[in-house]
Amino acid sequence: MNSTSLQDGRRSSCGPRPVTPVGILAEKLLSLTDSLDAGSVIDSQSMSELRQAMALASGLDSYVAKCTSPESAELAHLAKQTAIENWGGQFDAGQTEIPLEQEMLSGHVEGQFLKMLVAATGATKVLEIGMFTGYSALAIAQGLGRDGRVVACELDPYTAQFAQREFDRSEHGNKIQVEIGPASKTLRKLADGGEQFDFVFIDADKPGYIGYFRQLIELELLCPNALLCIDNTLLQGEPYCDETPSDNGRAVAEFNRCVANDTRVEQVLIPLRDGITMIRLVNQQVETEEPK
């Protein structure tokens, strides 16, 4: 983060005090940075503040996971199999078309979040763009009713086969339909077939996010009141604090700007895991009052 960003993050003495873990952490780090910039030495008080900051940062994810309903045995097995797979070796051997890594898995807390959203919204037709080994697709399927359906798009055939084996082990696996190939082509095929979805989860190639977002709207793939959830919209902080972001960081920043400037939708970015943006279409038709 550059010095300007740090200055912008400071609050005035008369401003509101931070009340969230991240806000308190930021204030402690800013205070320590100011002291060091002023030439102060690290004394016992500074070390105490630093330890408190470390506790706030290091304990957050584990505490969130502890307070979240546990994942099912099926999801735990899928996560374990994903973790022990030699993804680098599979790519080197030509088994996967793109480099993959176990960290691409959605994981326990995000999986439970998606499962709960699907159940709470009463969604029945779900589209997933970017499946990887199927953790999020299976979590979503567990939140659907018996007649619910997930269409999961995956580019890589090896990964799709990996996921299908896990689906076949689950009583919810028959709710998931895997579509292999470029997602943009799959979306056009689904639109040609008259498909519409009331819940969409996107966790795919970041440079493709804007295109997928626009296709969903312009191809009329969304049911009325459909909810979109877009993963990795904080992307390790690159969109807002990195002066030299990666290609993915720039793509996510551009996507975030695109959505924020699109008057067809409203959205909220939730700092869960690496960021999830929830989006829905808004009704732009203005109702006129009938003359009395």
Protein backbone atom coordinates (compact mmCIF):
# COMPACT_ATOMS: atom_id res chain seq x y z
CA MET A 1 0.00 0.00 0.00
CA ASN A 2 1.39 3.43 -0.86
CA SER A 3 1.69 6.37 1.52
CA THR A 4 -1.32 8.13 0.01
CA SER A 5 -3.50 5.11 0.72
CA LEU A 6 -2.25 5.04 4.30
CA GLN A 7 -3.03 8.72 4.75
CA ASP A 8 -6.48 8.26 3.31
CA GLY A 9 -7.09 5.40 5.75
CA ARG A 10 -6.42 7.50 8.85
CA ARG A 11 -9.32 8.91 10.82
CA SER A 12 -9.34 12.27 12.48
CA SER A 13 -9.28 12.54 16.26
CA CYS A 14 -12.94 13.52 16.22
CA GLY A 15 -13.97 10.77 13.78
CA PRO A 16 -15.73 7.53 14.71
CA ARG A 17 -13.62 4.87 16.34
CA PRO A 18 -13.23 1.57 14.46
CA VAL A 19 -15.63 -1.12 15.62
CA THR A 20 -14.82 -4.08 13.33
CA PRO A 21 -11.87 -6.47 13.67
CA VAL A 22 -10.35 -5.27 10.39
CA GLY A 23 -10.90 -1.62 11.27
CA ILE A 24 -9.26 -2.03 14.67
CA LEU A 25 -6.39 -3.95 13.08
CA ALA A 26 -5.86 -1.17 10.53
CA GLU A 27 -5.82 1.52 13.20
CA LYS A 28 -3.26 -0.36 15.30
CA LEU A 29 -0.99 -0.90 12.30
CA LEU A 30 -1.34 2.73 11.19
CA SER A 31 -0.45 3.91 14.69
CA LEU A 32 2.62 1.67 14.76
CA THR A 33 3.64 2.81 11.28
CA ASP A 34 3.36 6.47 12.29
CA SER A 35 5.50 5.84 15.37
CA LEU A 36 8.21 4.07 13.39
CA ASP A 37 8.15 6.72 10.66
CA ALA A 38 8.69 9.32 13.37
CA GLY A 39 11.80 7.48 14.55
CA SER A 40 10.34 5.86 17.65
CA VAL A 41 11.79 2.59 18.89
CA ILE A 42 9.66 -0.48 19.46
CA ASP A 43 8.95 -0.48 23.18
CA SER A 44 6.81 -2.77 25.33
CA GLN A 45 3.66 -0.79 24.50
CA SER A 46 4.36 -1.08 20.76
CA MET A 47 4.98 -4.82 21.09
CA SER A 48 1.69 -5.20 22.95
CA GLU A 49 -0.14 -3.35 20.15
CA LEU A 50 1.63 -5.49 17.56
CA ARG A 51 0.62 -8.70 19.33
CA GLN A 52 -2.98 -7.52 19.49
CA ALA A 53 -2.89 -6.75 15.77
CA MET A 54 -1.44 -10.20 15.06
CA ALA A 55 -4.17 -11.85 17.13
CA LEU A 56 -6.88 -9.93 15.27
CA ALA A 57 -5.49 -10.95 11.90
CA SER A 58 -4.43 -14.54 12.56
CA GLY A 59 -7.50 -15.55 14.55
CA LEU A 60 -10.23 -14.23 12.27
CA ASP A 61 -10.53 -16.98 9.63
CA SER A 62 -10.24 -19.83 12.12
CA TYR A 63 -12.86 -18.27 14.41
CA VAL A 64 -15.26 -17.73 11.49
CA ALA A 65 -14.81 -21.38 10.50
CA LYS A 66 -15.32 -22.54 14.10
CA CYS A 67 -18.61 -20.64 14.33
CA THR A 68 -19.89 -21.95 10.98
CA SER A 69 -21.84 -25.20 10.65
CA PRO A 70 -19.44 -28.02 9.76
CA GLU A 71 -19.18 -29.28 6.21
CA SER A 72 -20.70 -32.63 5.31
CA ALA A 73 -18.60 -35.78 5.15
CA GLU A 74 -18.94 -35.69 1.36
CA LEU A 75 -17.55 -32.16 1.13
CA ALA A 76 -14.75 -33.00 3.56
CA HIS A 77 -13.78 -35.99 1.39
CA LEU A 78 -13.84 -33.84 -1.75
CA ALA A 79 -11.63 -31.22 -0.10
CA LYS A 80 -9.17 -33.89 1.05
CA GLN A 81 -8.96 -35.47 -2.40
CA THR A 82 -8.38 -32.04 -3.94
CA ALA A 83 -5.62 -31.31 -1.43
CA ILE A 84 -3.67 -34.52 -2.09
CA GLU A 85 -3.93 -34.33 -5.88
CA ASN A 86 -0.65 -33.45 -7.62
CA TRP A 87 -2.01 -30.60 -9.72
CA GLY A 88 1.39 -29.39 -10.85
CA GLY A 89 2.34 -32.87 -11.97
CA GLN A 90 -0.92 -33.32 -13.83
CA PHE A 91 -0.34 -30.11 -15.75
CA ASP A 92 3.26 -31.05 -16.57
CA ALA A 93 2.00 -34.41 -17.84
CA GLY A 94 -0.56 -32.73 -20.06
CA GLN A 95 -3.54 -34.04 -18.10
CA THR A 96 -4.93 -30.58 -17.33
CA GLU A 97 -5.23 -27.85 -19.93
CA ILE A 98 -4.40 -25.03 -17.51
CA PRO A 99 -2.29 -24.78 -14.32
CA LEU A 100 -4.43 -25.57 -11.28
CA GLU A 101 -3.86 -25.57 -7.53
CA GLN A 102 -5.76 -26.79 -4.49
CA GLU A 103 -6.24 -23.21 -3.22
CA MET A 104 -8.82 -22.74 -5.98
CA LEU A 105 -11.27 -24.76 -3.86
CA SER A 106 -14.09 -22.64 -2.40
CA GLY A 107 -13.81 -24.27 1.01
CA HIS A 108 -15.87 -24.78 4.13
CA VAL A 109 -17.13 -21.29 5.05
CA GLU A 110 -17.83 -20.14 1.52
CA GLY A 111 -19.48 -23.44 0.69
CA GLN A 112 -21.78 -23.12 3.68
CA PHE A 113 -22.52 -19.50 2.72
CA LEU A 114 -23.57 -20.52 -0.79
CA LYS A 115 -25.58 -23.46 0.50
CA MET A 116 -27.45 -21.20 2.91
CA LEU A 117 -28.09 -18.52 0.27
CA VAL A 118 -29.58 -21.06 -2.11
CA ALA A 119 -31.80 -22.49 0.62
CA ALA A 120 -32.87 -19.06 1.88
CA THR A 121 -33.73 -17.70 -1.57
CA GLY A 122 -35.61 -20.82 -2.58
CA ALA A 123 -33.54 -21.14 -5.75
CA THR A 124 -34.25 -24.16 -7.92
CA LYS A 125 -32.15 -23.52 -11.04
CA VAL A 126 -28.50 -22.70 -10.39
CA LEU A 127 -25.71 -21.90 -12.82
CA GLU A 128 -22.07 -22.16 -11.81
CA ILE A 129 -19.34 -20.72 -14.04
CA GLY A 130 -16.03 -22.26 -13.03
CA MET A 131 -16.47 -25.53 -11.13
CA PHE A 132 -12.89 -26.77 -10.42
CA THR A 133 -13.26 -30.00 -8.38
CA GLY A 134 -16.88 -29.34 -7.54
CA TYR A 135 -16.85 -28.25 -3.89
CA SER A 136 -19.12 -25.24 -4.39
CA ALA A 137 -21.38 -27.11 -6.83
CA LEU A 138 -21.90 -29.92 -4.32
CA ALA A 139 -22.43 -27.48 -1.43
CA ILE A 140 -25.05 -25.65 -3.49
CA ALA A 141 -26.72 -28.95 -4.46
CA GLN A 142 -27.00 -29.81 -0.76
CA GLY A 143 -28.94 -26.58 -0.26
CA LEU A 144 -31.37 -27.28 -3.09
CA GLY A 145 -34.63 -29.13 -2.82
CA ARG A 146 -35.10 -32.56 -4.36
CA ASP A 147 -36.07 -31.07 -7.74
CA GLY A 148 -33.28 -28.47 -7.77
CA ARG A 149 -30.67 -28.44 -10.49
CA VAL A 150 -27.12 -27.10 -10.87
CA VAL A 151 -25.55 -26.57 -14.29
CA ALA A 152 -21.80 -26.39 -13.62
CA CYS A 153 -19.48 -25.09 -16.34
CA GLU A 154 -15.88 -26.33 -16.32
CA LEU A 155 -13.23 -25.72 -18.97
CA ASP A 156 -10.85 -28.54 -18.07
CA PRO A 157 -11.96 -32.15 -18.84
CA TYR A 158 -9.63 -33.76 -16.27
CA THR A 159 -10.98 -31.56 -13.49
CA ALA A 160 -14.55 -32.20 -14.59
CA GLN A 161 -13.96 -35.96 -14.39
CA PHE A 162 -12.40 -35.52 -10.95
CA ALA A 163 -15.51 -33.65 -9.79
CA GLN A 164 -17.91 -36.15 -11.36
CA ARG A 165 -16.35 -38.99 -9.35
CA GLU A 166 -17.09 -37.04 -6.18
CA PHE A 167 -20.63 -36.26 -7.31
CA ASP A 168 -21.24 -39.94 -7.96
CA ARG A 169 -20.45 -40.64 -4.29
CA SER A 170 -23.11 -38.19 -3.10
CA GLU A 171 -26.85 -38.50 -2.80
CA HIS A 172 -27.00 -34.91 -4.11
CA GLY A 173 -24.76 -35.53 -7.12
CA ASN A 174 -27.67 -36.27 -9.44
CA LYS A 175 -28.73 -32.62 -9.14
CA ILE A 176 -25.52 -31.50 -10.88
CA GLN A 177 -25.14 -31.35 -14.66
CA VAL A 178 -21.54 -30.74 -15.76
CA GLU A 179 -20.90 -28.82 -18.98
CA ILE A 180 -17.32 -29.08 -20.28
CA GLY A 181 -15.83 -26.36 -22.47
CA PRO A 182 -15.49 -22.58 -22.64
CA ALA A 183 -18.20 -21.04 -20.47
CA SER A 184 -19.04 -18.36 -23.04
CA LYS A 185 -20.07 -21.06 -25.51
CA THR A 186 -22.02 -22.94 -22.87
CA LEU A 187 -23.91 -19.77 -21.96
CA ARG A 188 -24.93 -19.24 -25.57
CA LYS A 189 -26.07 -22.86 -25.80
CA LEU A 190 -28.13 -22.52 -22.62
CA ALA A 191 -29.70 -19.30 -23.91
CA ASP A 192 -30.55 -20.95 -27.23
CA GLY A 193 -32.31 -23.66 -25.22
CA GLY A 194 -34.41 -21.10 -23.37
CA GLU A 195 -32.75 -21.75 -20.02
CA GLN A 196 -32.99 -19.26 -17.15
CA PHE A 197 -31.48 -19.39 -13.67
CA ASP A 198 -32.44 -17.88 -10.33
CA PHE A 199 -28.98 -18.20 -8.76
CA VAL A 200 -25.57 -17.85 -10.43
CA PHE A 201 -22.11 -18.36 -8.93
CA ILE A 202 -19.06 -17.20 -10.89
CA ASP A 203 -15.59 -18.38 -9.89
CA ALA A 204 -13.70 -18.69 -13.15
CA ASP A 205 -10.97 -16.90 -15.14
CA LYS A 206 -10.88 -13.34 -13.87
CA PRO A 207 -10.38 -11.65 -17.28
CA GLY A 208 -13.61 -13.35 -18.35
CA TYR A 209 -15.75 -11.94 -15.54
CA ILE A 210 -17.07 -8.90 -17.42
CA GLY A 211 -17.97 -11.00 -20.44
CA TYR A 212 -19.84 -13.59 -18.35
CA PHE A 213 -21.67 -10.84 -16.45
CA ARG A 214 -22.79 -9.17 -19.67
CA GLN A 215 -23.77 -12.46 -21.31
CA LEU A 216 -25.98 -13.40 -18.38
CA ILE A 217 -27.92 -10.16 -18.73
CA GLU A 218 -27.93 -9.72 -22.49
CA LEU A 219 -28.74 -13.37 -23.27
CA GLU A 220 -31.62 -13.16 -20.75
CA LEU A 221 -30.32 -16.11 -18.74
CA LEU A 222 -31.54 -14.63 -15.45
CA CYS A 223 -34.95 -15.23 -13.92
CA PRO A 224 -36.71 -12.26 -12.32
CA ASN A 225 -35.08 -11.54 -8.94
CA ALA A 226 -32.10 -13.77 -9.76
CA LEU A 227 -29.09 -13.48 -7.46
CA LEU A 228 -25.51 -13.49 -8.74
CA CYS A 229 -22.53 -14.25 -6.49
CA ILE A 230 -19.08 -13.43 -7.86
CA ASP A 231 -16.02 -14.86 -6.12
CA ASN A 232 -12.58 -13.32 -5.51
CA THR A 233 -13.68 -9.71 -5.92
CA LEU A 234 -11.11 -8.61 -3.33
CA LEU A 235 -8.37 -10.81 -4.89
CA GLN A 236 -5.85 -10.63 -2.06
CA GLY A 237 -6.29 -6.86 -1.84
CA GLU A 238 -4.86 -6.16 -5.29
CA PRO A 239 -7.86 -4.19 -6.62
CA TYR A 240 -7.54 -1.50 -3.94
CA CYS A 241 -4.00 -1.38 -2.57
CA ASP A 242 -1.46 -2.82 -5.02
CA GLU A 243 0.43 -0.38 -7.25
CA THR A 244 1.56 -3.24 -9.52
CA PRO A 245 -1.38 -5.66 -9.60
CA SER A 246 -1.27 -8.93 -11.49
CA ASP A 247 -3.31 -9.45 -14.63
CA ASN A 248 -5.99 -11.05 -12.48
CA GLY A 249 -5.89 -8.13 -10.05
CA ARG A 250 -6.42 -5.64 -12.87
CA ALA A 251 -9.23 -7.76 -14.32
CA VAL A 252 -11.05 -7.92 -10.99
CA ALA A 253 -10.62 -4.18 -10.41
CA GLU A 254 -12.08 -3.50 -13.86
CA PHE A 255 -14.95 -5.90 -13.20
CA ASN A 256 -15.73 -4.17 -9.90
CA ARG A 257 -15.78 -0.79 -11.66
CA CYS A 258 -17.95 -2.18 -14.44
CA VAL A 259 -20.55 -3.49 -12.00
CA ALA A 260 -20.49 -0.33 -9.87
CA ASN A 261 -21.20 1.79 -12.96
CA ASP A 262 -23.94 -0.47 -14.36
CA THR A 263 -27.32 1.09 -13.57
CA ARG A 264 -29.10 -2.16 -14.40
CA VAL A 265 -27.92 -3.76 -11.17
CA GLU A 266 -27.34 -3.18 -7.48
CA GLN A 267 -24.62 -4.95 -5.56
CA VAL A 268 -22.79 -5.42 -2.27
CA LEU A 269 -19.21 -6.64 -1.85
CA ILE A 270 -18.88 -8.87 1.21
CA PRO A 271 -15.38 -9.39 2.69
CA LEU A 272 -15.88 -13.13 3.08
CA ARG A 273 -12.74 -15.11 2.29
CA ASP A 274 -11.32 -13.40 -0.83
CA GLY A 275 -14.42 -11.29 -1.40
CA ILE A 276 -17.87 -12.18 -2.76
CA THR A 277 -19.98 -9.64 -4.62
CA MET A 278 -23.73 -10.23 -4.59
CA ILE A 279 -25.58 -8.69 -7.55
CA ARG A 280 -29.17 -8.47 -8.64
CA LEU A 281 -31.00 -6.74 -11.45
CA VAL A 282 -33.09 -3.75 -10.47
CA ASN A 283 -36.44 -2.76 -11.92
CA GLN A 284 -35.79 0.42 -13.85
CA GLN A 285 -39.37 0.98 -14.91
CA VAL A 286 -40.76 4.00 -13.11
CA GLU A 287 -44.35 3.58 -12.05
CA THR A 288 -46.42 6.67 -12.81
CA GLU A 289 -49.30 7.65 -10.58
CA GLU A 290 -52.66 7.54 -12.31
CA PRO A 291 -54.44 10.88 -12.41
CA LYS A 292 -57.18 11.24 -9.83
